[in-house]
Every structure is written in C-alpha cells, then in structure tokens.
PDB file of all heavy atoms in Angstrom:
ATOM      1  N   GLN A   1      10.719  15.942  -1.373  1.00  0.00           N
ATOM      2  CA  GLN A   1      11.702  14.964  -1.898  1.00  0.00           C
ATOM      3  C   GLN A   1      12.846  15.706  -2.714  1.00  0.00           C
ATOM      4  O   GLN A   1      14.102  15.457  -2.415  1.00  0.00           O
ATOM      5  CB  GLN A   1      11.138  13.989  -2.818  1.00  0.00           C
ATOM      6  CG  GLN A   1      10.219  12.958  -2.213  1.00  0.00           C
ATOM      7  CD  GLN A   1       9.337  12.196  -2.962  1.00  0.00           C
ATOM      8  OE1 GLN A   1       8.966  12.607  -4.108  1.00  0.00           O
ATOM      9  NE2 GLN A   1       8.793  11.009  -2.687  1.00  0.00           N
ATOM     10  N   LYS A   2      12.450  16.779  -3.346  1.00  0.00           N
ATOM     11  CA  LYS A   2      13.333  17.419  -4.239  1.00  0.00           C
ATOM     12  C   LYS A   2      14.255  18.447  -3.368  1.00  0.00           C
ATOM     13  O   LYS A   2      15.458  18.649  -3.623  1.00  0.00           O
ATOM     14  CB  LYS A   2      12.743  18.330  -5.240  1.00  0.00           C
ATOM     15  CG  LYS A   2      12.252  17.418  -6.390  1.00  0.00           C
ATOM     16  CD  LYS A   2      11.490  18.189  -7.460  1.00  0.00           C
ATOM     17  CE  LYS A   2      10.984  17.280  -8.514  1.00  0.00           C
ATOM     18  NZ  LYS A   2      10.141  17.953  -9.486  1.00  0.00           N
ATOM     19  N   ILE A   3      13.616  19.228  -2.468  1.00  0.00           N
ATOM     20  CA  ILE A   3      14.168  20.163  -1.638  1.00  0.00           C
ATOM     21  C   ILE A   3      14.911  19.746  -0.420  1.00  0.00           C
ATOM     22  O   ILE A   3      16.122  19.898  -0.143  1.00  0.00           O
ATOM     23  CB  ILE A   3      13.202  21.276  -1.306  1.00  0.00           C
ATOM     24  CG1 ILE A   3      12.774  21.997  -2.553  1.00  0.00           C
ATOM     25  CG2 ILE A   3      14.001  22.373  -0.379  1.00  0.00           C
ATOM     26  CD1 ILE A   3      11.529  23.002  -2.397  1.00  0.00           C
ATOM     27  N   LEU A   4      14.179  18.773   0.258  1.00  0.00           N
ATOM     28  CA  LEU A   4      14.691  18.392   1.524  1.00  0.00           C
ATOM     29  C   LEU A   4      15.389  16.913   1.434  1.00  0.00           C
ATOM     30  O   LEU A   4      15.835  16.382   2.526  1.00  0.00           O
ATOM     31  CB  LEU A   4      13.586  18.336   2.595  1.00  0.00           C
ATOM     32  CG  LEU A   4      13.066  19.772   3.033  1.00  0.00           C
ATOM     33  CD1 LEU A   4      11.919  19.624   3.969  1.00  0.00           C
ATOM     34  CD2 LEU A   4      14.213  20.502   3.633  1.00  0.00           C
ATOM     35  N   LYS A   5      15.330  16.363   0.266  1.00  0.00           N
ATOM     36  CA  LYS A   5      15.822  15.087   0.108  1.00  0.00           C
ATOM     37  C   LYS A   5      15.461  13.959   1.020  1.00  0.00           C
ATOM     38  O   LYS A   5      16.236  13.176   1.662  1.00  0.00           O
ATOM     39  CB  LYS A   5      17.467  15.233   0.127  1.00  0.00           C
ATOM     40  CG  LYS A   5      18.069  16.210  -0.674  1.00  0.00           C
ATOM     41  CD  LYS A   5      17.891  16.109  -2.129  1.00  0.00           C
ATOM     42  CE  LYS A   5      18.584  17.154  -2.968  1.00  0.00           C
ATOM     43  NZ  LYS A   5      18.107  17.405  -4.188  1.00  0.00           N
ATOM     44  N   ILE A   6      14.117  13.780   1.176  1.00  0.00           N
ATOM     45  CA  ILE A   6      13.624  12.819   2.089  1.00  0.00           C
ATOM     46  C   ILE A   6      12.812  11.714   1.407  1.00  0.00           C
ATOM     47  O   ILE A   6      11.760  11.268   2.068  1.00  0.00           O
ATOM     48  CB  ILE A   6      12.939  13.452   3.217  1.00  0.00           C
ATOM     49  CG1 ILE A   6      11.807  14.283   2.848  1.00  0.00           C
ATOM     50  CG2 ILE A   6      13.922  14.160   4.127  1.00  0.00           C
ATOM     51  CD1 ILE A   6      10.901  14.907   4.035  1.00  0.00           C
ATOM     52  N   ASP A   7      13.225  11.345   0.178  1.00  0.00           N
ATOM     53  CA  ASP A   7      12.490  10.308  -0.629  1.00  0.00           C
ATOM     54  C   ASP A   7      12.358   9.020   0.192  1.00  0.00           C
ATOM     55  O   ASP A   7      11.059   8.542   0.370  1.00  0.00           O
ATOM     56  CB  ASP A   7      13.177   9.833  -1.814  1.00  0.00           C
ATOM     57  CG  ASP A   7      13.785  11.134  -2.630  1.00  0.00           C
ATOM     58  OD1 ASP A   7      14.180  12.151  -2.043  1.00  0.00           O
ATOM     59  OD2 ASP A   7      13.686  11.055  -3.889  1.00  0.00           O
ATOM     60  N   ASN A   8      13.347   8.616   0.828  1.00  0.00           N
ATOM     61  CA  ASN A   8      13.387   7.325   1.526  1.00  0.00           C
ATOM     62  C   ASN A   8      12.417   7.244   2.713  1.00  0.00           C
ATOM     63  O   ASN A   8      11.600   6.292   2.973  1.00  0.00           O
ATOM     64  CB  ASN A   8      14.810   6.742   1.956  1.00  0.00           C
ATOM     65  CG  ASN A   8      15.678   6.491   0.796  1.00  0.00           C
ATOM     66  OD1 ASN A   8      15.286   6.334  -0.269  1.00  0.00           O
ATOM     67  ND2 ASN A   8      17.050   6.608   1.060  1.00  0.00           N
ATOM     68  N   GLU A   9      12.417   8.264   3.493  1.00  0.00           N
ATOM     69  CA  GLU A   9      11.665   8.411   4.664  1.00  0.00           C
ATOM     70  C   GLU A   9      10.148   8.446   4.215  1.00  0.00           C
ATOM     71  O   GLU A   9       9.261   7.752   4.939  1.00  0.00           O
ATOM     72  CB  GLU A   9      11.979   9.607   5.469  1.00  0.00           C
ATOM     73  CG  GLU A   9      13.307   9.644   6.259  1.00  0.00           C
ATOM     74  CD  GLU A   9      14.323  10.230   5.327  1.00  0.00           C
ATOM     75  OE1 GLU A   9      14.247  10.219   4.089  1.00  0.00           O
ATOM     76  OE2 GLU A   9      15.479  10.502   5.681  1.00  0.00           O
ATOM     77  N   ILE A  10       9.791   9.141   3.211  1.00  0.00           N
ATOM     78  CA  ILE A  10       8.352   9.237   2.777  1.00  0.00           C
ATOM     79  C   ILE A  10       7.963   7.920   2.263  1.00  0.00           C
ATOM     80  O   ILE A  10       6.891   7.489   2.563  1.00  0.00           O
ATOM     81  CB  ILE A  10       8.255  10.225   1.677  1.00  0.00           C
ATOM     82  CG1 ILE A  10       8.451  11.735   2.319  1.00  0.00           C
ATOM     83  CG2 ILE A  10       6.835  10.183   1.104  1.00  0.00           C
ATOM     84  CD1 ILE A  10       8.352  12.829   1.295  1.00  0.00           C
ATOM     85  N   SER A  11       8.811   7.211   1.475  1.00  0.00           N
ATOM     86  CA  SER A  11       8.442   5.765   0.909  1.00  0.00           C
ATOM     87  C   SER A  11       8.275   4.875   2.107  1.00  0.00           C
ATOM     88  O   SER A  11       7.364   4.095   2.119  1.00  0.00           O
ATOM     89  CB  SER A  11       9.529   5.516  -0.013  1.00  0.00           C
ATOM     90  OG  SER A  11       9.638   6.228  -1.094  1.00  0.00           O
ATOM     91  N   LYS A  12       9.220   4.942   3.091  1.00  0.00           N
ATOM     92  CA  LYS A  12       9.134   3.899   4.109  1.00  0.00           C
ATOM     93  C   LYS A  12       8.153   4.174   5.196  1.00  0.00           C
ATOM     94  O   LYS A  12       7.504   3.122   5.693  1.00  0.00           O
ATOM     95  CB  LYS A  12      10.567   3.894   4.650  1.00  0.00           C
ATOM     96  CG  LYS A  12      10.872   2.546   5.613  1.00  0.00           C
ATOM     97  CD  LYS A  12      12.347   2.500   5.950  1.00  0.00           C
ATOM     98  CE  LYS A  12      12.614   1.251   6.889  1.00  0.00           C
ATOM     99  NZ  LYS A  12      14.088   1.219   7.191  1.00  0.00           N
ATOM    100  N   PHE A  13       7.891   5.439   5.585  1.00  0.00           N
ATOM    101  CA  PHE A  13       7.186   5.684   6.797  1.00  0.00           C
ATOM    102  C   PHE A  13       5.847   6.433   6.464  1.00  0.00           C
ATOM    103  O   PHE A  13       4.983   6.599   7.356  1.00  0.00           O
ATOM    104  CB  PHE A  13       7.980   6.434   7.841  1.00  0.00           C
ATOM    105  CG  PHE A  13       9.155   5.795   8.260  1.00  0.00           C
ATOM    106  CD1 PHE A  13      10.478   6.173   7.699  1.00  0.00           C
ATOM    107  CD2 PHE A  13       9.160   4.593   9.051  1.00  0.00           C
ATOM    108  CE1 PHE A  13      11.559   5.485   8.177  1.00  0.00           C
ATOM    109  CE2 PHE A  13      10.366   4.035   9.520  1.00  0.00           C
ATOM    110  CZ  PHE A  13      11.487   4.363   9.002  1.00  0.00           C
ATOM    111  N   GLY A  14       5.781   6.965   5.282  1.00  0.00           N
ATOM    112  CA  GLY A  14       4.635   7.845   4.882  1.00  0.00           C
ATOM    113  C   GLY A  14       4.886   9.321   5.289  1.00  0.00           C
ATOM    114  O   GLY A  14       5.715   9.567   6.218  1.00  0.00           O
ATOM    115  N   VAL A  15       4.190  10.277   4.695  1.00  0.00           N
ATOM    116  CA  VAL A  15       4.458  11.693   4.719  1.00  0.00           C
ATOM    117  C   VAL A  15       4.237  12.144   6.083  1.00  0.00           C
ATOM    118  O   VAL A  15       4.756  13.040   6.672  1.00  0.00           O
ATOM    119  CB  VAL A  15       3.834  12.415   3.610  1.00  0.00           C
ATOM    120  CG1 VAL A  15       2.359  12.449   3.839  1.00  0.00           C
ATOM    121  CG2 VAL A  15       4.510  13.798   3.557  1.00  0.00           C
ATOM    122  N   VAL A  16       3.120  11.623   6.807  1.00  0.00           N
ATOM    123  CA  VAL A  16       2.781  12.016   8.092  1.00  0.00           C
ATOM    124  C   VAL A  16       3.363  11.017   9.090  1.00  0.00           C
ATOM    125  O   VAL A  16       2.730  10.078   9.490  1.00  0.00           O
ATOM    126  CB  VAL A  16       1.252  12.115   8.353  1.00  0.00           C
ATOM    127  CG1 VAL A  16       0.790  12.534   9.597  1.00  0.00           C
ATOM    128  CG2 VAL A  16       0.663  13.010   7.155  1.00  0.00           C
ATOM    129  N   SER A  17       4.614  11.309   9.402  1.00  0.00           N
ATOM    130  CA  SER A  17       5.302  10.303  10.435  1.00  0.00           C
ATOM    131  C   SER A  17       6.502  11.178  11.079  1.00  0.00           C
ATOM    132  O   SER A  17       6.908  12.144  10.747  1.00  0.00           O
ATOM    133  CB  SER A  17       5.966   9.237   9.587  1.00  0.00           C
ATOM    134  OG  SER A  17       7.028   9.780   8.684  1.00  0.00           O
ATOM    135  N   LYS A  18       6.894  10.409  12.199  1.00  0.00           N
ATOM    136  CA  LYS A  18       7.906  11.001  13.145  1.00  0.00           C
ATOM    137  C   LYS A  18       9.118  11.180  12.270  1.00  0.00           C
ATOM    138  O   LYS A  18       9.977  12.139  12.236  1.00  0.00           O
ATOM    139  CB  LYS A  18       8.057  10.083  14.250  1.00  0.00           C
ATOM    140  CG  LYS A  18       9.247  10.119  15.010  1.00  0.00           C
ATOM    141  CD  LYS A  18       9.477   8.910  15.921  1.00  0.00           C
ATOM    142  CE  LYS A  18      10.816   8.912  16.468  1.00  0.00           C
ATOM    143  NZ  LYS A  18      11.146   7.976  17.516  1.00  0.00           N
ATOM    144  N   GLN A  19       9.464  10.109  11.468  1.00  0.00           N
ATOM    145  CA  GLN A  19      10.750  10.035  10.784  1.00  0.00           C
ATOM    146  C   GLN A  19      10.821  11.319   9.681  1.00  0.00           C
ATOM    147  O   GLN A  19      11.817  11.876   9.420  1.00  0.00           O
ATOM    148  CB  GLN A  19      10.965   8.749  10.002  1.00  0.00           C
ATOM    149  CG  GLN A  19      11.090   7.644  11.052  1.00  0.00           C
ATOM    150  CD  GLN A  19       9.709   6.953  11.510  1.00  0.00           C
ATOM    151  OE1 GLN A  19       8.735   7.457  11.260  1.00  0.00           O
ATOM    152  NE2 GLN A  19       9.828   5.960  12.330  1.00  0.00           N
ATOM    153  N   VAL A  20       9.709  11.540   8.992  1.00  0.00           N
ATOM    154  CA  VAL A  20       9.748  12.594   8.045  1.00  0.00           C
ATOM    155  C   VAL A  20       9.814  13.986   8.804  1.00  0.00           C
ATOM    156  O   VAL A  20      10.509  14.812   8.336  1.00  0.00           O
ATOM    157  CB  VAL A  20       8.306  12.558   7.101  1.00  0.00           C
ATOM    158  CG1 VAL A  20       8.106  13.865   6.403  1.00  0.00           C
ATOM    159  CG2 VAL A  20       8.393  11.451   6.234  1.00  0.00           C
ATOM    160  N   ALA A  21       9.114  14.175   9.894  1.00  0.00           N
ATOM    161  CA  ALA A  21       9.225  15.419  10.589  1.00  0.00           C
ATOM    162  C   ALA A  21      10.680  15.651  11.075  1.00  0.00           C
ATOM    163  O   ALA A  21      11.179  16.701  10.879  1.00  0.00           O
ATOM    164  CB  ALA A  21       8.231  15.525  11.823  1.00  0.00           C
ATOM    165  N   GLU A  22      11.347  14.591  11.544  1.00  0.00           N
ATOM    166  CA  GLU A  22      12.751  14.660  12.026  1.00  0.00           C
ATOM    167  C   GLU A  22      13.651  15.043  10.772  1.00  0.00           C
ATOM    168  O   GLU A  22      14.499  15.822  10.929  1.00  0.00           O
ATOM    169  CB  GLU A  22      13.143  13.387  12.503  1.00  0.00           C
ATOM    170  CG  GLU A  22      12.713  13.165  14.007  1.00  0.00           C
ATOM    171  CD  GLU A  22      13.236  11.655  14.578  1.00  0.00           C
ATOM    172  OE1 GLU A  22      13.909  11.044  13.937  1.00  0.00           O
ATOM    173  OE2 GLU A  22      12.855  11.443  15.800  1.00  0.00           O
ATOM    174  N   SER A  23      13.508  14.396   9.753  1.00  0.00           N
ATOM    175  CA  SER A  23      14.427  14.619   8.623  1.00  0.00           C
ATOM    176  C   SER A  23      14.060  15.941   7.920  1.00  0.00           C
ATOM    177  O   SER A  23      15.133  16.455   7.554  1.00  0.00           O
ATOM    178  CB  SER A  23      14.039  13.469   7.527  1.00  0.00           C
ATOM    179  OG  SER A  23      14.492  12.255   8.070  1.00  0.00           O
ATOM    180  N   MET A  24      12.831  16.511   7.923  1.00  0.00           N
ATOM    181  CA  MET A  24      12.560  17.725   7.503  1.00  0.00           C
ATOM    182  C   MET A  24      13.439  18.781   8.228  1.00  0.00           C
ATOM    183  O   MET A  24      14.148  19.567   7.664  1.00  0.00           O
ATOM    184  CB  MET A  24      11.128  18.116   7.509  1.00  0.00           C
ATOM    185  CG  MET A  24      10.202  17.382   6.536  1.00  0.00           C
ATOM    186  SD  MET A  24       8.555  17.718   6.837  1.00  0.00           S
ATOM    187  CE  MET A  24       8.428  19.452   6.363  1.00  0.00           C
ATOM    188  N   ALA A  25      13.383  18.654   9.563  1.00  0.00           N
ATOM    189  CA  ALA A  25      14.239  19.636  10.321  1.00  0.00           C
ATOM    190  C   ALA A  25      15.618  19.365  10.226  1.00  0.00           C
ATOM    191  O   ALA A  25      16.491  20.423  10.024  1.00  0.00           O
ATOM    192  CB  ALA A  25      13.729  19.381  11.915  1.00  0.00           C
ATOM    193  N   LYS A  26      16.069  18.174  10.189  1.00  0.00           N
ATOM    194  CA  LYS A  26      17.580  17.903  10.113  1.00  0.00           C
ATOM    195  C   LYS A  26      18.114  18.424   8.724  1.00  0.00           C
ATOM    196  O   LYS A  26      19.217  19.014   8.716  1.00  0.00           O
ATOM    197  CB  LYS A  26      17.683  16.424  10.169  1.00  0.00           C
ATOM    198  CG  LYS A  26      19.203  15.963  10.000  1.00  0.00           C
ATOM    199  CD  LYS A  26      19.295  14.499  10.164  1.00  0.00           C
ATOM    200  CE  LYS A  26      20.569  13.934   9.317  1.00  0.00           C
ATOM    201  NZ  LYS A  26      20.318  12.704   8.756  1.00  0.00           N
ATOM    202  N   ASN A  27      17.432  18.182   7.687  1.00  0.00           N
ATOM    203  CA  ASN A  27      17.850  18.696   6.405  1.00  0.00           C
ATOM    204  C   ASN A  27      17.762  20.076   6.098  1.00  0.00           C
ATOM    205  O   ASN A  27      18.421  20.736   5.268  1.00  0.00           O
ATOM    206  CB  ASN A  27      17.177  17.825   5.240  1.00  0.00           C
ATOM    207  CG  ASN A  27      17.706  16.279   5.300  1.00  0.00           C
ATOM    208  OD1 ASN A  27      18.575  16.058   6.172  1.00  0.00           O
ATOM    209  ND2 ASN A  27      17.181  15.569   4.465  1.00  0.00           N
ATOM    210  N   ALA A  28      16.593  20.661   6.698  1.00  0.00           N
ATOM    211  CA  ALA A  28      16.380  22.213   6.594  1.00  0.00           C
ATOM    212  C   ALA A  28      17.682  22.970   7.196  1.00  0.00           C
ATOM    213  O   ALA A  28      18.011  23.992   6.644  1.00  0.00           O
ATOM    214  CB  ALA A  28      15.159  22.544   7.234  1.00  0.00           C
ATOM    215  N   ILE A  29      18.088  22.531   8.347  1.00  0.00           N
ATOM    216  CA  ILE A  29      19.218  23.290   9.131  1.00  0.00           C
ATOM    217  C   ILE A  29      20.437  23.351   8.250  1.00  0.00           C
ATOM    218  O   ILE A  29      21.155  24.243   8.539  1.00  0.00           O
ATOM    219  CB  ILE A  29      19.376  22.612  10.476  1.00  0.00           C
ATOM    220  CG1 ILE A  29      19.863  23.679  11.397  1.00  0.00           C
ATOM    221  CG2 ILE A  29      20.398  21.305  10.400  1.00  0.00           C
ATOM    222  CD1 ILE A  29      19.845  23.249  12.856  1.00  0.00           C
ATOM    223  N   LYS A  30      20.578  22.424   7.415  1.00  0.00           N
ATOM    224  CA  LYS A  30      21.771  22.450   6.510  1.00  0.00           C
ATOM    225  C   LYS A  30      21.910  23.585   5.553  1.00  0.00           C
ATOM    226  O   LYS A  30      22.964  23.960   5.120  1.00  0.00           O
ATOM    227  CB  LYS A  30      21.866  21.178   5.534  1.00  0.00           C
ATOM    228  CG  LYS A  30      22.030  19.847   6.307  1.00  0.00           C
ATOM    229  CD  LYS A  30      21.791  18.727   5.484  1.00  0.00           C
ATOM    230  CE  LYS A  30      21.988  17.387   6.239  1.00  0.00           C
ATOM    231  NZ  LYS A  30      21.879  16.198   5.390  1.00  0.00           N
ATOM    232  N   PHE A  31      20.650  24.364   5.365  1.00  0.00           N
ATOM    233  CA  PHE A  31      20.689  25.606   4.573  1.00  0.00           C
ATOM    234  C   PHE A  31      21.111  26.742   5.298  1.00  0.00           C
ATOM    235  O   PHE A  31      21.354  27.786   4.709  1.00  0.00           O
ATOM    236  CB  PHE A  31      19.343  25.771   4.035  1.00  0.00           C
ATOM    237  CG  PHE A  31      18.865  24.775   2.987  1.00  0.00           C
ATOM    238  CD1 PHE A  31      17.968  23.910   3.331  1.00  0.00           C
ATOM    239  CD2 PHE A  31      19.393  24.663   1.610  1.00  0.00           C
ATOM    240  CE1 PHE A  31      17.453  22.871   2.315  1.00  0.00           C
ATOM    241  CE2 PHE A  31      18.930  23.872   0.707  1.00  0.00           C
ATOM    242  CZ  PHE A  31      18.140  22.821   1.075  1.00  0.00           C
ATOM    243  N   SER A  32      21.332  26.658   6.742  1.00  0.00           N
ATOM    244  CA  SER A  32      21.676  27.795   7.430  1.00  0.00           C
ATOM    245  C   SER A  32      23.251  27.868   7.613  1.00  0.00           C
ATOM    246  O   SER A  32      23.906  26.913   7.858  1.00  0.00           O
ATOM    247  CB  SER A  32      21.100  27.747   8.774  1.00  0.00           C
ATOM    248  OG  SER A  32      21.393  28.798   9.562  1.00  0.00           O
ATOM    249  N   ASN A  33      23.811  29.078   7.588  1.00  0.00           N
ATOM    250  CA  ASN A  33      25.272  29.264   7.880  1.00  0.00           C
ATOM    251  C   ASN A  33      25.395  29.784   9.298  1.00  0.00           C
ATOM    252  O   ASN A  33      26.509  30.088   9.739  1.00  0.00           O
ATOM    253  CB  ASN A  33      25.797  30.289   6.871  1.00  0.00           C
ATOM    254  CG  ASN A  33      25.848  29.764   5.481  1.00  0.00           C
ATOM    255  OD1 ASN A  33      26.035  28.522   5.320  1.00  0.00           O
ATOM    256  ND2 ASN A  33      25.551  30.515   4.519  1.00  0.00           N
ATOM    257  N   ASP A  34      24.411  29.975  10.083  1.00  0.00           N
ATOM    258  CA  ASP A  34      24.567  30.504  11.426  1.00  0.00           C
ATOM    259  C   ASP A  34      24.922  29.442  12.317  1.00  0.00           C
ATOM    260  O   ASP A  34      24.732  28.222  12.309  1.00  0.00           O
ATOM    261  CB  ASP A  34      23.242  31.086  11.858  1.00  0.00           C
ATOM    262  CG  ASP A  34      22.898  32.285  11.213  1.00  0.00           C
ATOM    263  OD1 ASP A  34      23.534  33.381  11.592  1.00  0.00           O
ATOM    264  OD2 ASP A  34      22.115  32.411  10.297  1.00  0.00           O
ATOM    265  N   LYS A  35      25.785  29.814  13.483  1.00  0.00           N
ATOM    266  CA  LYS A  35      26.382  28.960  14.341  1.00  0.00           C
ATOM    267  C   LYS A  35      25.374  28.215  15.369  1.00  0.00           C
ATOM    268  O   LYS A  35      25.378  27.133  15.554  1.00  0.00           O
ATOM    269  CB  LYS A  35      27.439  29.566  15.188  1.00  0.00           C
ATOM    270  CG  LYS A  35      28.707  30.050  14.299  1.00  0.00           C
ATOM    271  CD  LYS A  35      29.607  30.739  15.124  1.00  0.00           C
ATOM    272  CE  LYS A  35      30.738  31.073  14.151  1.00  0.00           C
ATOM    273  NZ  LYS A  35      31.665  32.151  14.777  1.00  0.00           N
ATOM    274  N   SER A  36      24.332  29.076  15.639  1.00  0.00           N
ATOM    275  CA  SER A  36      23.279  28.576  16.642  1.00  0.00           C
ATOM    276  C   SER A  36      21.876  28.753  15.890  1.00  0.00           C
ATOM    277  O   SER A  36      21.425  29.754  15.718  1.00  0.00           O
ATOM    278  CB  SER A  36      23.321  29.500  17.880  1.00  0.00           C
ATOM    279  OG  SER A  36      22.454  28.991  18.839  1.00  0.00           O
ATOM    280  N   THR A  37      21.574  27.547  15.540  1.00  0.00           N
ATOM    281  CA  THR A  37      20.246  27.580  14.750  1.00  0.00           C
ATOM    282  C   THR A  37      19.368  26.486  15.302  1.00  0.00           C
ATOM    283  O   THR A  37      19.643  25.361  15.673  1.00  0.00           O
ATOM    284  CB  THR A  37      20.517  27.207  13.311  1.00  0.00           C
ATOM    285  OG1 THR A  37      21.550  28.120  12.703  1.00  0.00           O
ATOM    286  CG2 THR A  37      19.246  27.185  12.319  1.00  0.00           C
TER     287      THR A  37
END
C-alpha cells in the first residue's frame, strides 16, 4: 500500500489476486527511467 499505492486493489480483490499482481507491476515500472523496461 505505501510503496506501490495499491490500497484499493487489496481492499477490493484481496492481496492474492490478478488485480494486485497487475497493479504491482504497473506501479513498479514507474520507478524506472529506462526507455525499455
């Protein structure tokens, strides 16, 4: 929740879910400055 900002996904779908996995990857990529990641 704090690092990846996925509070809503965890609350709505549970921590072991497709939506949480997608959001983890989507929000993690935001920390990269590389063009192809």
